Amino acid sequence: MGLDTTGHHLVVAENGSGEVVGNAWNLGLNVFGDDEAAIALYHRNGYDVESMSLRKSVQQAPDSNS
């Protein structure tokens, strides 16, 4: 539905002369999981979590033949 889609807004970028130089349907960014201040800032400004990546370090099991 484009511009008629409920809840969607087209952001237009203009230069100093008012000429349209770009647009965006949505904005995304990456934040490190332990950066609680940044996460809180973005939540306050309307950003929602879209995906999450988790990581765990693993170590080789000790050799049971020793």
PDB file of N, CA and C in Angstrom:
ATOM      1  N   MET A   1       0.814  -1.200   0.000  1.00  0.00           N
ATOM      2  CA  MET A   1       0.000   0.000   0.000  1.00  0.00           C
ATOM      3  C   MET A   1       0.856   1.262   0.000  1.00  0.00           C
ATOM      4  N   GLY A   2       2.164   1.116   0.195  1.00  0.00           N
ATOM      5  CA  GLY A   2       3.046   2.287   0.140  1.00  0.00           C
ATOM      6  C   GLY A   2       2.713   3.317   1.195  1.00  0.00           C
ATOM      7  N   LEU A   3       2.586   4.569   0.777  1.00  0.00           N
ATOM      8  CA  LEU A   3       2.320   5.663   1.715  1.00  0.00           C
ATOM      9  C   LEU A   3       0.976   5.530   2.416  1.00  0.00           C
ATOM     10  N   ASP A   4       0.065   4.742   1.877  1.00  0.00           N
ATOM     11  CA  ASP A   4      -1.246   4.554   2.494  1.00  0.00           C
ATOM     12  C   ASP A   4      -1.253   3.476   3.582  1.00  0.00           C
ATOM     13  N   THR A   5      -0.118   2.800   3.809  1.00  0.00           N
ATOM     14  CA  THR A   5      -0.037   1.753   4.814  1.00  0.00           C
ATOM     15  C   THR A   5      -0.151   2.363   6.205  1.00  0.00           C
ATOM     16  N   THR A   6      -1.094   1.872   6.991  1.00  0.00           N
ATOM     17  CA  THR A   6      -1.320   2.382   8.341  1.00  0.00           C
ATOM     18  C   THR A   6      -0.065   2.193   9.197  1.00  0.00           C
ATOM     19  N   GLY A   7       0.328   3.246   9.910  1.00  0.00           N
ATOM     20  CA  GLY A   7       1.458   3.168  10.834  1.00  0.00           C
ATOM     21  C   GLY A   7       2.818   3.290  10.177  1.00  0.00           C
ATOM     22  N   HIS A   8       2.881   3.452   8.872  1.00  0.00           N
ATOM     23  CA  HIS A   8       4.155   3.603   8.177  1.00  0.00           C
ATOM     24  C   HIS A   8       4.331   5.055   7.758  1.00  0.00           C
ATOM     25  N   HIS A   9       5.558   5.536   7.843  1.00  0.00           N
ATOM     26  CA  HIS A   9       5.862   6.913   7.484  1.00  0.00           C
ATOM     27  C   HIS A   9       7.102   6.920   6.607  1.00  0.00           C
ATOM     28  N   LEU A  10       7.090   7.740   5.586  1.00  0.00           N
ATOM     29  CA  LEU A  10       8.247   7.895   4.714  1.00  0.00           C
ATOM     30  C   LEU A  10       9.045   9.098   5.201  1.00  0.00           C
ATOM     31  N   VAL A  11      10.298   8.877   5.556  1.00  0.00           N
ATOM     32  CA  VAL A  11      11.181   9.951   5.999  1.00  0.00           C
ATOM     33  C   VAL A  11      11.920  10.460   4.771  1.00  0.00           C
ATOM     34  N   VAL A  12      11.883  11.774   4.563  1.00  0.00           N
ATOM     35  CA  VAL A  12      12.531  12.370   3.405  1.00  0.00           C
ATOM     36  C   VAL A  12      13.706  13.223   3.876  1.00  0.00           C
ATOM     37  N   ALA A  13      14.852  13.043   3.221  1.00  0.00           N
ATOM     38  CA  ALA A  13      16.033  13.853   3.533  1.00  0.00           C
ATOM     39  C   ALA A  13      16.165  14.956   2.478  1.00  0.00           C
ATOM     40  N   GLU A  14      16.389  16.168   2.953  1.00  0.00           N
ATOM     41  CA  GLU A  14      16.546  17.304   2.048  1.00  0.00           C
ATOM     42  C   GLU A  14      17.884  17.985   2.304  1.00  0.00           C
ATOM     43  N   ASN A  15      18.449  18.575   1.266  1.00  0.00           N
ATOM     44  CA  ASN A  15      19.671  19.352   1.438  1.00  0.00           C
ATOM     45  C   ASN A  15      19.300  20.767   1.897  1.00  0.00           C
ATOM     46  N   GLY A  16      20.280  21.637   2.046  1.00  0.00           N
ATOM     47  CA  GLY A  16      20.050  22.992   2.533  1.00  0.00           C
ATOM     48  C   GLY A  16      19.123  23.816   1.663  1.00  0.00           C
ATOM     49  N   SER A  17      18.984  23.459   0.393  1.00  0.00           N
ATOM     50  CA  SER A  17      18.102  24.177  -0.531  1.00  0.00           C
ATOM     51  C   SER A  17      16.687  23.612  -0.548  1.00  0.00           C
ATOM     52  N   GLY A  18      16.434  22.574   0.241  1.00  0.00           N
ATOM     53  CA  GLY A  18      15.114  21.965   0.267  1.00  0.00           C
ATOM     54  C   GLY A  18      14.893  20.912  -0.800  1.00  0.00           C
ATOM     55  N   GLU A  19      15.940  20.578  -1.540  1.00  0.00           N
ATOM     56  CA  GLU A  19      15.851  19.548  -2.577  1.00  0.00           C
ATOM     57  C   GLU A  19      15.900  18.162  -1.919  1.00  0.00           C
ATOM     58  N   VAL A  20      14.977  17.275  -2.299  1.00  0.00           N
ATOM     59  CA  VAL A  20      14.952  15.925  -1.750  1.00  0.00           C
ATOM     60  C   VAL A  20      16.164  15.157  -2.261  1.00  0.00           C
ATOM     61  N   VAL A  21      16.958  14.613  -1.330  1.00  0.00           N
ATOM     62  CA  VAL A  21      18.178  13.889  -1.710  1.00  0.00           C
ATOM     63  C   VAL A  21      18.156  12.432  -1.265  1.00  0.00           C
ATOM     64  N   GLY A  22      17.082  12.003  -0.595  1.00  0.00           N
ATOM     65  CA  GLY A  22      16.984  10.618  -0.168  1.00  0.00           C
ATOM     66  C   GLY A  22      15.734  10.393   0.654  1.00  0.00           C
ATOM     67  N   ASN A  23      15.455   9.100   0.910  1.00  0.00           N
ATOM     68  CA  ASN A  23      14.308   8.763   1.740  1.00  0.00           C
ATOM     69  C   ASN A  23      14.552   7.415   2.392  1.00  0.00           C
ATOM     70  N   ALA A  24      13.742   7.122   3.395  1.00  0.00           N
ATOM     71  CA  ALA A  24      13.862   5.854   4.111  1.00  0.00           C
ATOM     72  C   ALA A  24      12.504   5.476   4.686  1.00  0.00           C
ATOM     73  N   TRP A  25      12.177   4.183   4.626  1.00  0.00           N
ATOM     74  CA  TRP A  25      10.937   3.685   5.231  1.00  0.00           C
ATOM     75  C   TRP A  25      11.147   3.350   6.700  1.00  0.00           C
ATOM     76  N   ASN A  26      12.348   2.913   7.052  1.00  0.00           N
ATOM     77  CA  ASN A  26      12.627   2.619   8.453  1.00  0.00           C
ATOM     78  C   ASN A  26      14.105   2.787   8.706  1.00  0.00           C
ATOM     79  N   LEU A  27      14.446   2.921   9.954  1.00  0.00           N
ATOM     80  CA  LEU A  27      15.825   3.120  10.380  1.00  0.00           C
ATOM     81  C   LEU A  27      16.233   1.960  11.273  1.00  0.00           C
ATOM     82  N   GLY A  28      17.440   1.455  11.105  1.00  0.00           N
ATOM     83  CA  GLY A  28      17.942   0.376  11.941  1.00  0.00           C
ATOM     84  C   GLY A  28      19.340   0.691  12.429  1.00  0.00           C
ATOM     85  N   LEU A  29      19.733   0.060  13.497  1.00  0.00           N
ATOM     86  CA  LEU A  29      21.076   0.235  14.026  1.00  0.00           C
ATOM     87  C   LEU A  29      21.478  -0.999  14.810  1.00  0.00           C
ATOM     88  N   ASN A  30      22.762  -1.118  15.072  1.00  0.00           N
ATOM     89  CA  ASN A  30      23.306  -2.225  15.865  1.00  0.00           C
ATOM     90  C   ASN A  30      23.815  -1.690  17.189  1.00  0.00           C
ATOM     91  N   VAL A  31      23.512  -2.416  18.262  1.00  0.00           N
ATOM     92  CA  VAL A  31      23.949  -2.022  19.602  1.00  0.00           C
ATOM     93  C   VAL A  31      24.521  -3.256  20.289  1.00  0.00           C
ATOM     94  N   PHE A  32      25.652  -3.102  20.944  1.00  0.00           N
ATOM     95  CA  PHE A  32      26.222  -4.210  21.714  1.00  0.00           C
ATOM     96  C   PHE A  32      25.296  -4.526  22.885  1.00  0.00           C
ATOM     97  N   GLY A  33      25.119  -5.817  23.162  1.00  0.00           N
ATOM     98  CA  GLY A  33      24.169  -6.278  24.165  1.00  0.00           C
ATOM     99  C   GLY A  33      24.419  -5.758  25.562  1.00  0.00           C
ATOM    100  N   ASP A  34      25.668  -5.416  25.892  1.00  0.00           N
ATOM    101  CA  ASP A  34      25.961  -4.940  27.243  1.00  0.00           C
ATOM    102  C   ASP A  34      25.933  -3.415  27.345  1.00  0.00           C
ATOM    103  N   ASP A  35      25.540  -2.725  26.271  1.00  0.00           N
ATOM    104  CA  ASP A  35      25.487  -1.260  26.272  1.00  0.00           C
ATOM    105  C   ASP A  35      24.092  -0.816  26.723  1.00  0.00           C
ATOM    106  N   GLU A  36      23.832  -0.952  28.022  1.00  0.00           N
ATOM    107  CA  GLU A  36      22.506  -0.695  28.572  1.00  0.00           C
ATOM    108  C   GLU A  36      22.057   0.748  28.382  1.00  0.00           C
ATOM    109  N   ALA A  37      22.979   1.695  28.439  1.00  0.00           N
ATOM    110  CA  ALA A  37      22.613   3.105  28.256  1.00  0.00           C
ATOM    111  C   ALA A  37      22.105   3.344  26.834  1.00  0.00           C
ATOM    112  N   ALA A  38      22.787   2.786  25.840  1.00  0.00           N
ATOM    113  CA  ALA A  38      22.361   2.959  24.448  1.00  0.00           C
ATOM    114  C   ALA A  38      21.025   2.265  24.204  1.00  0.00           C
ATOM    115  N   ILE A  39      20.871   1.068  24.747  1.00  0.00           N
ATOM    116  CA  ILE A  39      19.612   0.332  24.578  1.00  0.00           C
ATOM    117  C   ILE A  39      18.454   1.136  25.161  1.00  0.00           C
ATOM    118  N   ALA A  40      18.643   1.701  26.349  1.00  0.00           N
ATOM    119  CA  ALA A  40      17.598   2.506  26.986  1.00  0.00           C
ATOM    120  C   ALA A  40      17.290   3.754  26.157  1.00  0.00           C
ATOM    121  N   LEU A  41      18.325   4.401  25.640  1.00  0.00           N
ATOM    122  CA  LEU A  41      18.144   5.591  24.806  1.00  0.00           C
ATOM    123  C   LEU A  41      17.299   5.272  23.580  1.00  0.00           C
ATOM    124  N   TYR A  42      17.630   4.189  22.892  1.00  0.00           N
ATOM    125  CA  TYR A  42      16.897   3.839  21.676  1.00  0.00           C
ATOM    126  C   TYR A  42      15.463   3.407  21.992  1.00  0.00           C
ATOM    127  N   HIS A  43      15.252   2.708  23.101  1.00  0.00           N
ATOM    128  CA  HIS A  43      13.889   2.345  23.500  1.00  0.00           C
ATOM    129  C   HIS A  43      13.066   3.613  23.750  1.00  0.00           C
ATOM    130  N   ARG A  44      13.661   4.589  24.436  1.00  0.00           N
ATOM    131  CA  ARG A  44      12.949   5.845  24.709  1.00  0.00           C
ATOM    132  C   ARG A  44      12.589   6.576  23.428  1.00  0.00           C
ATOM    133  N   ASN A  45      13.345   6.353  22.368  1.00  0.00           N
ATOM    134  CA  ASN A  45      13.112   7.041  21.100  1.00  0.00           C
ATOM    135  C   ASN A  45      12.324   6.195  20.105  1.00  0.00           C
ATOM    136  N   GLY A  46      11.674   5.143  20.601  1.00  0.00           N
ATOM    137  CA  GLY A  46      10.745   4.394  19.770  1.00  0.00           C
ATOM    138  C   GLY A  46      11.298   3.195  19.031  1.00  0.00           C
ATOM    139  N   TYR A  47      12.567   2.859  19.251  1.00  0.00           N
ATOM    140  CA  TYR A  47      13.141   1.678  18.597  1.00  0.00           C
ATOM    141  C   TYR A  47      12.713   0.414  19.338  1.00  0.00           C
ATOM    142  N   ASP A  48      12.476  -0.656  18.588  1.00  0.00           N
ATOM    143  CA  ASP A  48      12.147  -1.956  19.149  1.00  0.00           C
ATOM    144  C   ASP A  48      13.201  -2.967  18.726  1.00  0.00           C
ATOM    145  N   VAL A  49      13.388  -4.006  19.530  1.00  0.00           N
ATOM    146  CA  VAL A  49      14.318  -5.079  19.175  1.00  0.00           C
ATOM    147  C   VAL A  49      13.700  -5.880  18.038  1.00  0.00           C
ATOM    148  N   GLU A  50      14.464  -6.046  16.968  1.00  0.00           N
ATOM    149  CA  GLU A  50      13.990  -6.806  15.821  1.00  0.00           C
ATOM    150  C   GLU A  50      14.632  -8.186  15.767  1.00  0.00           C
ATOM    151  N   SER A  51      15.893  -8.268  16.160  1.00  0.00           N
ATOM    152  CA  SER A  51      16.575  -9.554  16.204  1.00  0.00           C
ATOM    153  C   SER A  51      17.625  -9.497  17.311  1.00  0.00           C
ATOM    154  N   MET A  52      18.108 -10.670  17.691  1.00  0.00           N
ATOM    155  CA  MET A  52      19.090 -10.726  18.759  1.00  0.00           C
ATOM    156  C   MET A  52      20.052 -11.865  18.446  1.00  0.00           C
ATOM    157  N   SER A  53      21.303 -11.648  18.695  1.00  0.00           N
ATOM    158  CA  SER A  53      22.321 -12.666  18.473  1.00  0.00           C
ATOM    159  C   SER A  53      22.981 -12.966  19.814  1.00  0.00           C
ATOM    160  N   LEU A  54      23.062 -14.234  20.161  1.00  0.00           N
ATOM    161  CA  LEU A  54      23.680 -14.637  21.429  1.00  0.00           C
ATOM    162  C   LEU A  54      24.903 -15.491  21.133  1.00  0.00           C
ATOM    163  N   ARG A  55      25.894 -15.435  22.007  1.00  0.00           N
ATOM    164  CA  ARG A  55      27.126 -16.180  21.815  1.00  0.00           C
ATOM    165  C   ARG A  55      27.583 -16.757  23.133  1.00  0.00           C
ATOM    166  N   LYS A  56      28.160 -17.941  23.074  1.00  0.00           N
ATOM    167  CA  LYS A  56      28.706 -18.585  24.264  1.00  0.00           C
ATOM    168  C   LYS A  56      30.058 -19.175  23.896  1.00  0.00           C
ATOM    169  N   SER A  57      31.055 -18.910  24.708  1.00  0.00           N
ATOM    170  CA  SER A  57      32.377 -19.507  24.510  1.00  0.00           C
ATOM    171  C   SER A  57      32.349 -20.937  25.042  1.00  0.00           C
ATOM    172  N   VAL A  58      32.903 -21.850  24.301  1.00  0.00           N
ATOM    173  CA  VAL A  58      32.983 -23.250  24.741  1.00  0.00           C
ATOM    174  C   VAL A  58      34.425 -23.673  24.785  1.00  0.00           C
ATOM    175  N   GLN A  59      34.712 -24.589  25.673  1.00  0.00           N
ATOM    176  CA  GLN A  59      36.063 -25.092  25.800  1.00  0.00           C
ATOM    177  C   GLN A  59      36.048 -26.587  25.550  1.00  0.00           C
ATOM    178  N   GLN A  60      37.142 -27.073  25.042  1.00  0.00           N
ATOM    179  CA  GLN A  60      37.263 -28.509  24.756  1.00  0.00           C
ATOM    180  C   GLN A  60      37.242 -29.300  26.070  1.00  0.00           C
ATOM    181  N   ALA A  61      36.504 -30.395  26.068  1.00  0.00           N
ATOM    182  CA  ALA A  61      36.434 -31.243  27.265  1.00  0.00           C
ATOM    183  C   ALA A  61      37.787 -31.868  27.523  1.00  0.00           C
ATOM    184  N   PRO A  62      38.149 -32.057  28.790  1.00  0.00           N
ATOM    185  CA  PRO A  62      39.438 -32.709  29.096  1.00  0.00           C
ATOM    186  C   PRO A  62      39.467 -34.123  28.535  1.00  0.00           C
ATOM    187  N   ASP A  63      40.650 -34.573  28.158  1.00  0.00           N
ATOM    188  CA  ASP A  63      40.837 -35.917  27.607  1.00  0.00           C
ATOM    189  C   ASP A  63      40.605 -36.942  28.719  1.00  0.00           C
ATOM    190  N   SER A  64      39.618 -37.823  28.529  1.00  0.00           N
ATOM    191  CA  SER A  64      39.263 -38.794  29.568  1.00  0.00           C
ATOM    192  C   SER A  64      40.244 -39.988  29.617  1.00  0.00           C
ATOM    193  N   ASN A  65      41.189 -40.049  28.686  1.00  0.00           N
ATOM    194  CA  ASN A  65      42.154 -41.151  28.657  1.00  0.00           C
ATOM    195  C   ASN A  65      43.421 -40.857  29.477  1.00  0.00           C
ATOM    196  N   SER A  66      43.474 -39.732  30.121  1.00  0.00           N
ATOM    197  CA  SER A  66      44.689 -39.361  30.859  1.00  0.00           C
ATOM    198  C   SER A  66      44.704 -39.960  32.236  1.00  0.00           C
TER     199      SER A  66
END
